[in-house]
C-alpha atoms as a PDB file:
ATOM      1  CA  MET A   1      10.916  -1.302 -11.381  1.00  0.00           C
ATOM      2  CA  ALA A   2      10.980   2.092 -13.018  1.00  0.00           C
ATOM      3  CA  GLY A   3      14.153   4.033 -12.354  1.00  0.00           C
ATOM      4  CA  ASN A   4      16.333   3.460  -9.319  1.00  0.00           C
ATOM      5  CA  GLY A   5      13.399   2.891  -6.962  1.00  0.00           C
ATOM      6  CA  ARG A   6      14.056   5.913  -4.778  1.00  0.00           C
ATOM      7  CA  GLN A   7      10.707   7.471  -5.658  1.00  0.00           C
ATOM      8  CA  THR A   8       8.201   7.036  -2.848  1.00  0.00           C
ATOM      9  CA  ARG A   9       4.713   5.671  -2.665  1.00  0.00           C
ATOM     10  CA  SER A  10       2.267   4.883   0.075  1.00  0.00           C
ATOM     11  CA  ILE A  11       0.008   1.875   0.044  1.00  0.00           C
ATOM     12  CA  CYS A  12      -3.262   1.552   1.914  1.00  0.00           C
ATOM     13  CA  TYR A  13      -4.884  -1.771   2.685  1.00  0.00           C
ATOM     14  CA  VAL A  14      -8.328  -2.155   1.145  1.00  0.00           C
ATOM     15  CA  ASP A  15     -10.097  -2.597   4.505  1.00  0.00           C
ATOM     16  CA  ASP A  16      -8.763   0.782   5.628  1.00  0.00           C
ATOM     17  CA  THR A  17      -9.803   2.396   2.348  1.00  0.00           C
ATOM     18  CA  VAL A  18     -13.335   0.995   2.554  1.00  0.00           C
ATOM     19  CA  ARG A  19     -13.617   1.997   6.214  1.00  0.00           C
ATOM     20  CA  ASP A  20     -12.730   5.591   5.270  1.00  0.00           C
ATOM     21  CA  ILE A  21     -15.205   5.674   2.374  1.00  0.00           C
ATOM     22  CA  LEU A  22     -17.969   4.376   4.663  1.00  0.00           C
ATOM     23  CA  ALA A  23     -17.043   6.896   7.374  1.00  0.00           C
ATOM     24  CA  LEU A  24     -17.312   9.712   4.829  1.00  0.00           C
ATOM     25  CA  ALA A  25     -20.620   8.377   3.493  1.00  0.00           C
ATOM     26  CA  ALA A  26     -22.054   8.205   7.031  1.00  0.00           C
ATOM     27  CA  SER A  27     -20.895  11.709   7.910  1.00  0.00           C
ATOM     28  CA  ASP A  28     -22.370  15.077   7.076  1.00  0.00           C
ATOM     29  CA  PHE A  29     -19.013  16.296   5.768  1.00  0.00           C
ATOM     30  CA  PRO A  30     -19.349  17.151   2.054  1.00  0.00           C
ATOM     31  CA  GLY A  31     -15.758  16.177   1.202  1.00  0.00           C
ATOM     32  CA  PRO A  32     -13.596  15.683  -0.653  1.00  0.00           C
ATOM     33  CA  VAL A  33     -11.341  13.757   1.693  1.00  0.00           C
ATOM     34  CA  THR A  34      -8.029  12.208   0.754  1.00  0.00           C
ATOM     35  CA  ILE A  35      -7.892   8.494   1.443  1.00  0.00           C
ATOM     36  CA  GLY A  36      -4.608   6.679   1.826  1.00  0.00           C
ATOM     37  CA  ASN A  37      -1.783   5.842   4.128  1.00  0.00           C
ATOM     38  CA  PRO A  38       0.467   8.755   5.102  1.00  0.00           C
ATOM     39  CA  VAL A  39       3.457   6.446   5.560  1.00  0.00           C
ATOM     40  CA  GLU A  40       5.604   6.551   2.445  1.00  0.00           C
ATOM     41  CA  GLN A  41       8.206   4.030   1.386  1.00  0.00           C
ATOM     42  CA  SER A  42      10.556   3.878  -1.535  1.00  0.00           C
ATOM     43  CA  VAL A  43       9.443   1.756  -4.462  1.00  0.00           C
ATOM     44  CA  LEU A  44      12.632  -0.265  -4.021  1.00  0.00           C
ATOM     45  CA  ASP A  45      11.815  -0.958  -0.363  1.00  0.00           C
ATOM     46  CA  LEU A  46       8.297  -2.048  -1.333  1.00  0.00           C
ATOM     47  CA  ALA A  47       9.635  -4.356  -4.059  1.00  0.00           C
ATOM     48  CA  LEU A  48      12.123  -5.930  -1.653  1.00  0.00           C
ATOM     49  CA  LEU A  49       9.445  -6.303   1.028  1.00  0.00           C
ATOM     50  CA  ILE A  50       7.103  -8.081  -1.403  1.00  0.00           C
ATOM     51  CA  ARG A  51       9.911 -10.317  -2.574  1.00  0.00           C
ATOM     52  CA  ASP A  52      10.853 -11.162   1.012  1.00  0.00           C
ATOM     53  CA  LEU A  53       7.270 -11.775   2.156  1.00  0.00           C
ATOM     54  CA  THR A  54       6.640 -14.155  -0.728  1.00  0.00           C
ATOM     55  CA  GLY A  55       9.902 -16.007  -0.179  1.00  0.00           C
ATOM     56  CA  SER A  56      10.925 -15.230  -3.740  1.00  0.00           C
ATOM     57  CA  ALA A  57      14.500 -15.075  -4.978  1.00  0.00           C
ATOM     58  CA  SER A  58      13.517 -13.013  -8.026  1.00  0.00           C
ATOM     59  CA  PRO A  59      15.889 -10.214  -8.949  1.00  0.00           C
ATOM     60  CA  VAL A  60      14.634  -6.659  -8.957  1.00  0.00           C
ATOM     61  CA  CYS A  61      14.879  -5.492 -12.550  1.00  0.00           C
ATOM     62  CA  HIS A  62      15.064  -1.829 -13.482  1.00  0.00           C
ATOM     63  CA  VAL A  63      13.558  -0.146 -16.535  1.00  0.00           C
ATOM     64  CA  PRO A  64      13.748   3.509 -17.543  1.00  0.00           C
ATOM     65  CA  ARG A  65      11.593   5.740 -15.407  1.00  0.00           C
ATOM     66  CA  PRO A  66       8.782   7.556 -17.249  1.00  0.00           C
ATOM     67  CA  HIS A  67       9.130  11.330 -17.412  1.00  0.00           C
ATOM     68  CA  ASP A  68       5.790  11.865 -15.690  1.00  0.00           C
ATOM     69  CA  ASP A  69       6.505   9.502 -12.779  1.00  0.00           C
ATOM     70  CA  PRO A  70       6.330  11.613  -9.604  1.00  0.00           C
ATOM     71  CA  SER A  71       9.219  11.432  -7.156  1.00  0.00           C
ATOM     72  CA  VAL A  72       6.939  11.516  -4.123  1.00  0.00           C
ATOM     73  CA  ARG A  73       3.432  10.269  -3.539  1.00  0.00           C
ATOM     74  CA  CYS A  74       2.222  10.601  -0.009  1.00  0.00           C
ATOM     75  CA  PRO A  75      -1.367  11.587   0.773  1.00  0.00           C
ATOM     76  CA  ASP A  76      -2.218  14.175   3.380  1.00  0.00           C
ATOM     77  CA  THR A  77      -4.890  12.419   5.427  1.00  0.00           C
ATOM     78  CA  THR A  78      -5.179  15.145   8.060  1.00  0.00           C
ATOM     79  CA  LEU A  79      -8.743  15.993   7.052  1.00  0.00           C
ATOM     80  CA  ALA A  80      -9.859  12.356   7.255  1.00  0.00           C
ATOM     81  CA  THR A  81      -8.360  12.142  10.732  1.00  0.00           C
ATOM     82  CA  GLN A  82      -9.813  15.445  11.929  1.00  0.00           C
ATOM     83  CA  ARG A  83     -13.290  15.237  10.375  1.00  0.00           C
ATOM     84  CA  LEU A  84     -13.917  11.491  10.323  1.00  0.00           C
ATOM     85  CA  GLY A  85     -11.684  10.220  13.120  1.00  0.00           C
ATOM     86  CA  TRP A  86     -10.104   7.931  10.552  1.00  0.00           C
ATOM     87  CA  ARG A  87      -6.566   6.737  10.199  1.00  0.00           C
ATOM     88  CA  PRO A  88      -5.206   3.575   8.639  1.00  0.00           C
ATOM     89  CA  GLU A  89      -4.918   0.604  10.976  1.00  0.00           C
ATOM     90  CA  VAL A  90      -3.107  -1.926   8.783  1.00  0.00           C
ATOM     91  CA  ASP A  91       0.567  -1.258   8.088  1.00  0.00           C
ATOM     92  CA  ALA A  92       2.114  -2.019   4.721  1.00  0.00           C
ATOM     93  CA  ALA A  93       3.795  -5.291   5.727  1.00  0.00           C
ATOM     94  CA  ASP A  94       0.662  -6.707   7.355  1.00  0.00           C
ATOM     95  CA  GLY A  95      -1.511  -5.613   4.440  1.00  0.00           C
ATOM     96  CA  LEU A  96       0.874  -7.246   1.994  1.00  0.00           C
ATOM     97  CA  ARG A  97       0.891 -10.465   4.043  1.00  0.00           C
ATOM     98  CA  ARG A  98      -2.903 -10.551   3.947  1.00  0.00           C
ATOM     99  CA  THR A  99      -2.952  -9.789   0.228  1.00  0.00           C
ATOM    100  CA  ILE A 100      -0.378 -12.471  -0.567  1.00  0.00           C
ATOM    101  CA  ALA A 101      -2.351 -15.021   1.467  1.00  0.00           C
ATOM    102  CA  TRP A 102      -5.554 -14.051  -0.364  1.00  0.00           C
ATOM    103  CA  PHE A 103      -3.939 -14.453  -3.779  1.00  0.00           C
ATOM    104  CA  ARG A 104      -2.483 -17.803  -2.809  1.00  0.00           C
ATOM    105  CA  THR A 105      -5.904 -19.009  -1.734  1.00  0.00           C
ATOM    106  CA  GLU A 106      -7.835 -17.547  -4.662  1.00  0.00           C
ATOM    107  CA  MET A 107      -5.338 -18.554  -7.313  1.00  0.00           C
ATOM    108  CA  GLY A 108      -4.833 -22.037  -5.917  1.00  0.00           C
ATOM    109  CA  ALA A 109      -1.123 -21.440  -5.520  1.00  0.00           C
ATOM    110  CA  PRO A 110       0.869 -24.065  -3.654  1.00  0.00           C
ATOM    111  CA  GLU A 111       0.982 -23.441   0.039  1.00  0.00           C
ATOM    112  CA  ALA A 112       4.106 -21.554   0.918  1.00  0.00           C
ATOM    113  CA  PRO A 113       4.788 -19.850   4.184  1.00  0.00           C
ATOM    114  CA  ILE A 114       4.575 -16.090   4.254  1.00  0.00           C
ATOM    115  CA  VAL A 115       7.888 -14.958   5.627  1.00  0.00           C
ATOM    116  CA  GLU A 116       7.936 -12.654   8.632  1.00  0.00           C
ATOM    117  CA  VAL A 117      10.185  -9.652   8.063  1.00  0.00           C
END
């Protein structure tokens, strides 16, 4: 991970993203509208969550943080909520569980339980 992992990001499950794009396309609102999940988490927390959900014992390795890496990334989805009635429905942990299960199926990975955290 770049830096100490305290920088924040938000992740949005693909179903929520597609639902927002379709809502915008079906509306008469000309946009633009920010799509994303307004819940931010530290990069370190996300890395640990992914490691825990996959049942991995991998260490979290740190590399120097790029100079242009923003400290905070959290979209303002107010307009999507107000104009389209949209808000994300899938939280980060559930979205990651679904994504991990998909990759295991698609990549033919050995069946391993997805850990509940």
